[in-house]
Amino acid sequence: MHVCSLGQAEVNLFELTILIIKAPEFEFVIIAFVQSLIKLHNSVAIHGVYAWLKNIHQLDWSWVQACEHEAAGNIEQAAYEYKLLLNEHFKSLSIVNETGEDSISVGVVKFLT
């Protein structure tokens, strides 16, 4: 476990990373960044973002993969995956979710719609 000392206070980087990931600002930045990469048709960079999220932060955000298809010009595949994600989200709204958590956040739903 890495520990970064800032003056006399020590900050556990793992706990700091968890706090950052849970913040809606983190997701907003990722959405804005991926949206910009779609406009640039840079599917390779989007794939890198997905790999970084999955490997470093253990976040399997499948909507990023759908964005990768859109950036690559595979519009039909992207639309199909977006539709699946939205159907899953709306289905989870109609069924009581035992964990109390949606599969995707409100920010992602706004991005997809």
N, C-alpha and C. Protein backbone atom coordinates (compact mmCIF):
# COMPACT_ATOMS: atom_id res chain seq x y z
N MET A 1 0.84 -1.17 0.00
CA MET A 1 0.00 0.00 0.00
C MET A 1 0.89 1.24 0.00
N HIS A 2 0.62 2.15 -0.93
CA HIS A 2 1.41 3.36 -1.04
C HIS A 2 0.84 4.43 -0.13
N VAL A 3 1.71 5.15 0.52
CA VAL A 3 1.28 6.24 1.38
C VAL A 3 2.04 7.49 0.96
N CYS A 4 1.33 8.55 0.75
CA CYS A 4 1.92 9.82 0.34
C CYS A 4 1.88 10.76 1.54
N SER A 5 3.02 11.31 1.91
CA SER A 5 3.00 12.22 3.05
C SER A 5 2.96 13.66 2.56
N LEU A 6 2.01 14.40 3.07
CA LEU A 6 1.86 15.81 2.72
C LEU A 6 2.07 16.60 4.01
N GLY A 7 3.26 17.12 4.19
CA GLY A 7 3.57 17.80 5.44
C GLY A 7 3.54 16.78 6.57
N GLN A 8 2.72 17.01 7.57
CA GLN A 8 2.62 16.07 8.68
C GLN A 8 1.47 15.09 8.50
N ALA A 9 0.59 15.36 7.55
CA ALA A 9 -0.56 14.47 7.33
C ALA A 9 -0.19 13.41 6.31
N GLU A 10 -0.67 12.21 6.54
CA GLU A 10 -0.46 11.14 5.59
C GLU A 10 -1.79 10.78 4.95
N VAL A 11 -1.76 10.62 3.64
CA VAL A 11 -2.97 10.31 2.90
C VAL A 11 -2.80 8.93 2.28
N ASN A 12 -3.70 8.05 2.57
CA ASN A 12 -3.69 6.73 1.96
C ASN A 12 -4.22 6.87 0.54
N LEU A 13 -3.38 6.62 -0.46
CA LEU A 13 -3.76 6.82 -1.85
C LEU A 13 -4.91 5.91 -2.27
N PHE A 14 -4.98 4.71 -1.72
CA PHE A 14 -6.08 3.81 -2.07
C PHE A 14 -7.41 4.41 -1.62
N GLU A 15 -7.47 4.91 -0.40
CA GLU A 15 -8.71 5.53 0.09
C GLU A 15 -9.05 6.78 -0.70
N LEU A 16 -8.04 7.54 -1.07
CA LEU A 16 -8.25 8.74 -1.87
C LEU A 16 -8.82 8.38 -3.23
N THR A 17 -8.29 7.32 -3.84
CA THR A 17 -8.80 6.88 -5.14
C THR A 17 -10.26 6.46 -5.03
N ILE A 18 -10.61 5.74 -3.98
CA ILE A 18 -12.00 5.31 -3.78
C ILE A 18 -12.91 6.53 -3.65
N LEU A 19 -12.47 7.55 -2.92
CA LEU A 19 -13.28 8.75 -2.77
C LEU A 19 -13.47 9.46 -4.10
N ILE A 20 -12.42 9.52 -4.90
CA ILE A 20 -12.50 10.18 -6.19
C ILE A 20 -13.46 9.43 -7.11
N ILE A 21 -13.36 8.11 -7.13
CA ILE A 21 -14.19 7.32 -8.02
C ILE A 21 -15.66 7.45 -7.67
N LYS A 22 -15.98 7.49 -6.41
CA LYS A 22 -17.37 7.56 -6.00
C LYS A 22 -17.97 8.94 -6.23
N ALA A 23 -17.15 9.91 -6.48
CA ALA A 23 -17.64 11.27 -6.70
C ALA A 23 -18.27 11.39 -8.08
N PRO A 24 -19.41 12.06 -8.16
CA PRO A 24 -20.04 12.24 -9.47
C PRO A 24 -19.19 13.07 -10.42
N GLU A 25 -18.30 13.89 -9.88
CA GLU A 25 -17.44 14.70 -10.73
C GLU A 25 -16.52 13.82 -11.57
N PHE A 26 -16.06 12.72 -10.99
CA PHE A 26 -15.19 11.80 -11.72
C PHE A 26 -15.93 11.26 -12.94
N GLU A 27 -17.15 10.84 -12.73
CA GLU A 27 -17.94 10.31 -13.83
C GLU A 27 -18.23 11.39 -14.87
N PHE A 28 -18.52 12.60 -14.42
CA PHE A 28 -18.78 13.70 -15.34
C PHE A 28 -17.57 13.97 -16.23
N VAL A 29 -16.39 13.95 -15.66
CA VAL A 29 -15.17 14.19 -16.43
C VAL A 29 -14.97 13.08 -17.46
N ILE A 30 -15.21 11.83 -17.06
CA ILE A 30 -15.06 10.71 -17.99
C ILE A 30 -16.07 10.83 -19.13
N ILE A 31 -17.33 11.17 -18.80
CA ILE A 31 -18.35 11.34 -19.83
C ILE A 31 -17.95 12.43 -20.81
N ALA A 32 -17.51 13.58 -20.30
CA ALA A 32 -17.12 14.70 -21.17
C ALA A 32 -15.91 14.33 -22.03
N PHE A 33 -14.95 13.63 -21.44
CA PHE A 33 -13.75 13.23 -22.17
C PHE A 33 -14.09 12.24 -23.28
N VAL A 34 -14.90 11.24 -22.96
CA VAL A 34 -15.29 10.24 -23.96
C VAL A 34 -16.12 10.90 -25.05
N GLN A 35 -17.00 11.81 -24.67
CA GLN A 35 -17.82 12.52 -25.66
C GLN A 35 -16.92 13.30 -26.63
N SER A 36 -15.88 13.92 -26.13
CA SER A 36 -14.93 14.64 -26.98
C SER A 36 -14.20 13.69 -27.92
N LEU A 37 -13.82 12.53 -27.39
CA LEU A 37 -13.12 11.55 -28.22
C LEU A 37 -14.03 10.98 -29.31
N ILE A 38 -15.33 10.88 -29.03
CA ILE A 38 -16.27 10.44 -30.07
C ILE A 38 -16.28 11.45 -31.21
N LYS A 39 -16.33 12.74 -30.86
CA LYS A 39 -16.34 13.79 -31.89
C LYS A 39 -15.07 13.77 -32.72
N LEU A 40 -13.97 13.33 -32.12
CA LEU A 40 -12.70 13.23 -32.84
C LEU A 40 -12.55 11.89 -33.56
N HIS A 41 -13.54 11.00 -33.43
CA HIS A 41 -13.51 9.65 -34.02
C HIS A 41 -12.29 8.87 -33.56
N ASN A 42 -11.93 9.02 -32.29
CA ASN A 42 -10.74 8.37 -31.75
C ASN A 42 -11.15 7.17 -30.89
N SER A 43 -11.47 6.07 -31.56
CA SER A 43 -11.92 4.87 -30.85
C SER A 43 -10.79 4.21 -30.06
N VAL A 44 -9.57 4.37 -30.53
CA VAL A 44 -8.42 3.77 -29.83
C VAL A 44 -8.24 4.40 -28.45
N ALA A 45 -8.36 5.72 -28.39
CA ALA A 45 -8.23 6.40 -27.10
C ALA A 45 -9.38 6.03 -26.16
N ILE A 46 -10.57 5.86 -26.72
CA ILE A 46 -11.71 5.44 -25.88
C ILE A 46 -11.48 4.05 -25.34
N HIS A 47 -10.91 3.18 -26.16
CA HIS A 47 -10.58 1.84 -25.68
C HIS A 47 -9.56 1.92 -24.53
N GLY A 48 -8.61 2.83 -24.65
CA GLY A 48 -7.63 3.04 -23.58
C GLY A 48 -8.29 3.52 -22.29
N VAL A 49 -9.27 4.41 -22.42
CA VAL A 49 -10.01 4.89 -21.25
C VAL A 49 -10.74 3.72 -20.60
N TYR A 50 -11.38 2.88 -21.42
CA TYR A 50 -12.11 1.72 -20.89
C TYR A 50 -11.15 0.78 -20.15
N ALA A 51 -10.00 0.49 -20.77
CA ALA A 51 -9.01 -0.40 -20.14
C ALA A 51 -8.50 0.19 -18.83
N TRP A 52 -8.25 1.49 -18.81
CA TRP A 52 -7.78 2.16 -17.60
C TRP A 52 -8.83 2.07 -16.49
N LEU A 53 -10.09 2.35 -16.84
CA LEU A 53 -11.16 2.26 -15.84
C LEU A 53 -11.29 0.85 -15.29
N LYS A 54 -11.20 -0.13 -16.18
CA LYS A 54 -11.40 -1.52 -15.77
C LYS A 54 -10.20 -2.06 -14.98
N ASN A 55 -9.00 -1.81 -15.46
CA ASN A 55 -7.80 -2.39 -14.83
C ASN A 55 -7.34 -1.64 -13.59
N ILE A 56 -7.41 -0.34 -13.61
CA ILE A 56 -6.90 0.45 -12.50
C ILE A 56 -7.97 0.70 -11.44
N HIS A 57 -9.18 1.00 -11.88
CA HIS A 57 -10.24 1.39 -10.95
C HIS A 57 -11.33 0.33 -10.76
N GLN A 58 -11.19 -0.80 -11.42
CA GLN A 58 -12.16 -1.90 -11.33
C GLN A 58 -13.58 -1.43 -11.65
N LEU A 59 -13.71 -0.58 -12.66
CA LEU A 59 -15.02 -0.10 -13.12
C LEU A 59 -15.27 -0.66 -14.51
N ASP A 60 -16.30 -1.47 -14.63
CA ASP A 60 -16.65 -2.05 -15.92
C ASP A 60 -17.82 -1.26 -16.49
N TRP A 61 -17.53 -0.11 -17.04
CA TRP A 61 -18.55 0.76 -17.60
C TRP A 61 -18.74 0.39 -19.07
N SER A 62 -19.73 -0.44 -19.33
CA SER A 62 -19.94 -0.94 -20.68
C SER A 62 -20.37 0.16 -21.65
N TRP A 63 -20.88 1.26 -21.14
CA TRP A 63 -21.26 2.35 -22.03
C TRP A 63 -20.05 2.93 -22.74
N VAL A 64 -18.87 2.80 -22.13
CA VAL A 64 -17.65 3.30 -22.77
C VAL A 64 -17.34 2.45 -24.01
N GLN A 65 -17.59 1.16 -23.92
CA GLN A 65 -17.39 0.29 -25.09
C GLN A 65 -18.35 0.65 -26.21
N ALA A 66 -19.58 0.99 -25.86
CA ALA A 66 -20.55 1.41 -26.88
C ALA A 66 -20.07 2.70 -27.55
N CYS A 67 -19.50 3.59 -26.77
CA CYS A 67 -18.95 4.83 -27.32
C CYS A 67 -17.77 4.55 -28.25
N GLU A 68 -17.01 3.52 -27.92
CA GLU A 68 -15.89 3.12 -28.78
C GLU A 68 -16.41 2.73 -30.16
N HIS A 69 -17.51 1.99 -30.19
CA HIS A 69 -18.10 1.60 -31.48
C HIS A 69 -18.57 2.82 -32.26
N GLU A 70 -19.18 3.77 -31.56
CA GLU A 70 -19.66 4.98 -32.23
C GLU A 70 -18.50 5.76 -32.83
N ALA A 71 -17.43 5.91 -32.08
CA ALA A 71 -16.26 6.66 -32.57
C ALA A 71 -15.61 5.97 -33.77
N ALA A 72 -15.68 4.64 -33.80
CA ALA A 72 -15.09 3.88 -34.91
C ALA A 72 -15.98 3.89 -36.14
N GLY A 73 -17.19 4.44 -36.02
CA GLY A 73 -18.10 4.49 -37.16
C GLY A 73 -19.05 3.31 -37.23
N ASN A 74 -19.01 2.44 -36.23
CA ASN A 74 -19.93 1.30 -36.17
C ASN A 74 -21.22 1.75 -35.49
N ILE A 75 -21.97 2.58 -36.19
CA ILE A 75 -23.14 3.22 -35.61
C ILE A 75 -24.22 2.21 -35.21
N GLU A 76 -24.43 1.18 -36.05
CA GLU A 76 -25.46 0.19 -35.74
C GLU A 76 -25.13 -0.55 -34.44
N GLN A 77 -23.88 -0.96 -34.28
CA GLN A 77 -23.46 -1.67 -33.07
C GLN A 77 -23.57 -0.76 -31.85
N ALA A 78 -23.16 0.49 -32.01
CA ALA A 78 -23.24 1.45 -30.90
C ALA A 78 -24.70 1.67 -30.50
N ALA A 79 -25.58 1.84 -31.48
CA ALA A 79 -27.00 2.06 -31.19
C ALA A 79 -27.59 0.86 -30.48
N TYR A 80 -27.23 -0.34 -30.91
CA TYR A 80 -27.72 -1.56 -30.28
C TYR A 80 -27.27 -1.63 -28.81
N GLU A 81 -26.00 -1.33 -28.56
CA GLU A 81 -25.49 -1.37 -27.18
C GLU A 81 -26.09 -0.27 -26.32
N TYR A 82 -26.28 0.93 -26.89
CA TYR A 82 -26.94 2.01 -26.14
C TYR A 82 -28.36 1.59 -25.77
N LYS A 83 -29.06 0.98 -26.73
CA LYS A 83 -30.43 0.52 -26.47
C LYS A 83 -30.47 -0.52 -25.35
N LEU A 84 -29.53 -1.46 -25.37
CA LEU A 84 -29.46 -2.47 -24.30
C LEU A 84 -29.23 -1.82 -22.94
N LEU A 85 -28.32 -0.86 -22.89
CA LEU A 85 -28.02 -0.18 -21.63
C LEU A 85 -29.24 0.57 -21.10
N LEU A 86 -29.93 1.28 -21.99
CA LEU A 86 -31.10 2.03 -21.56
C LEU A 86 -32.24 1.11 -21.14
N ASN A 87 -32.44 0.02 -21.89
CA ASN A 87 -33.47 -0.95 -21.50
C ASN A 87 -33.18 -1.54 -20.13
N GLU A 88 -31.91 -1.86 -19.89
CA GLU A 88 -31.50 -2.40 -18.59
C GLU A 88 -31.76 -1.39 -17.48
N HIS A 89 -31.46 -0.13 -17.76
CA HIS A 89 -31.67 0.92 -16.76
C HIS A 89 -33.16 1.08 -16.45
N PHE A 90 -33.99 1.18 -17.48
CA PHE A 90 -35.41 1.40 -17.25
C PHE A 90 -36.07 0.17 -16.63
N LYS A 91 -35.56 -1.01 -16.95
CA LYS A 91 -36.07 -2.23 -16.31
C LYS A 91 -35.74 -2.21 -14.82
N SER A 92 -34.53 -1.76 -14.47
CA SER A 92 -34.14 -1.71 -13.06
C SER A 92 -34.94 -0.67 -12.29
N LEU A 93 -35.47 0.34 -12.99
CA LEU A 93 -36.32 1.33 -12.32
C LEU A 93 -37.68 0.75 -11.97
N SER A 94 -38.18 -0.17 -12.81
CA SER A 94 -39.51 -0.72 -12.57
C SER A 94 -39.50 -1.88 -11.58
N ILE A 95 -38.35 -2.50 -11.39
CA ILE A 95 -38.22 -3.61 -10.45
C ILE A 95 -37.46 -3.10 -9.23
N VAL A 96 -37.91 -3.49 -8.06
CA VAL A 96 -37.21 -3.07 -6.84
C VAL A 96 -35.85 -3.74 -6.82
N ASN A 97 -34.82 -2.91 -6.80
CA ASN A 97 -33.45 -3.41 -6.81
C ASN A 97 -33.03 -3.68 -5.37
N GLU A 98 -32.61 -4.89 -5.09
CA GLU A 98 -32.27 -5.28 -3.72
C GLU A 98 -31.11 -4.47 -3.15
N THR A 99 -30.17 -4.10 -4.00
CA THR A 99 -29.01 -3.36 -3.51
C THR A 99 -29.29 -1.87 -3.41
N GLY A 100 -30.33 -1.40 -4.07
CA GLY A 100 -30.64 0.02 -4.04
C GLY A 100 -29.78 0.83 -4.98
N GLU A 101 -29.03 0.17 -5.87
CA GLU A 101 -28.15 0.87 -6.80
C GLU A 101 -28.59 0.60 -8.22
N ASP A 102 -28.57 1.63 -9.05
CA ASP A 102 -28.85 1.45 -10.47
C ASP A 102 -27.61 0.90 -11.14
N SER A 103 -27.82 0.24 -12.28
CA SER A 103 -26.68 -0.30 -13.02
C SER A 103 -25.87 0.81 -13.67
N ILE A 104 -26.55 1.89 -14.07
CA ILE A 104 -25.85 3.05 -14.61
C ILE A 104 -26.40 4.30 -13.93
N SER A 105 -25.60 5.33 -13.90
CA SER A 105 -25.97 6.54 -13.17
C SER A 105 -26.86 7.45 -14.00
N VAL A 106 -27.42 8.43 -13.34
CA VAL A 106 -28.26 9.42 -14.00
C VAL A 106 -27.46 10.19 -15.05
N GLY A 107 -26.20 10.48 -14.76
CA GLY A 107 -25.35 11.20 -15.71
C GLY A 107 -25.16 10.44 -17.00
N VAL A 108 -24.98 9.14 -16.90
CA VAL A 108 -24.81 8.31 -18.10
C VAL A 108 -26.12 8.24 -18.87
N VAL A 109 -27.25 8.14 -18.17
CA VAL A 109 -28.55 8.12 -18.85
C VAL A 109 -28.76 9.41 -19.62
N LYS A 110 -28.42 10.54 -19.02
CA LYS A 110 -28.54 11.82 -19.72
C LYS A 110 -27.64 11.86 -20.95
N PHE A 111 -26.44 11.30 -20.82
CA PHE A 111 -25.51 11.26 -21.94
C PHE A 111 -26.05 10.40 -23.08
N LEU A 112 -26.67 9.27 -22.74
CA LEU A 112 -27.16 8.34 -23.75
C LEU A 112 -28.46 8.78 -24.40
N THR A 113 -29.22 9.64 -23.74
CA THR A 113 -30.52 10.02 -24.30
C THR A 113 -30.51 11.36 -24.96
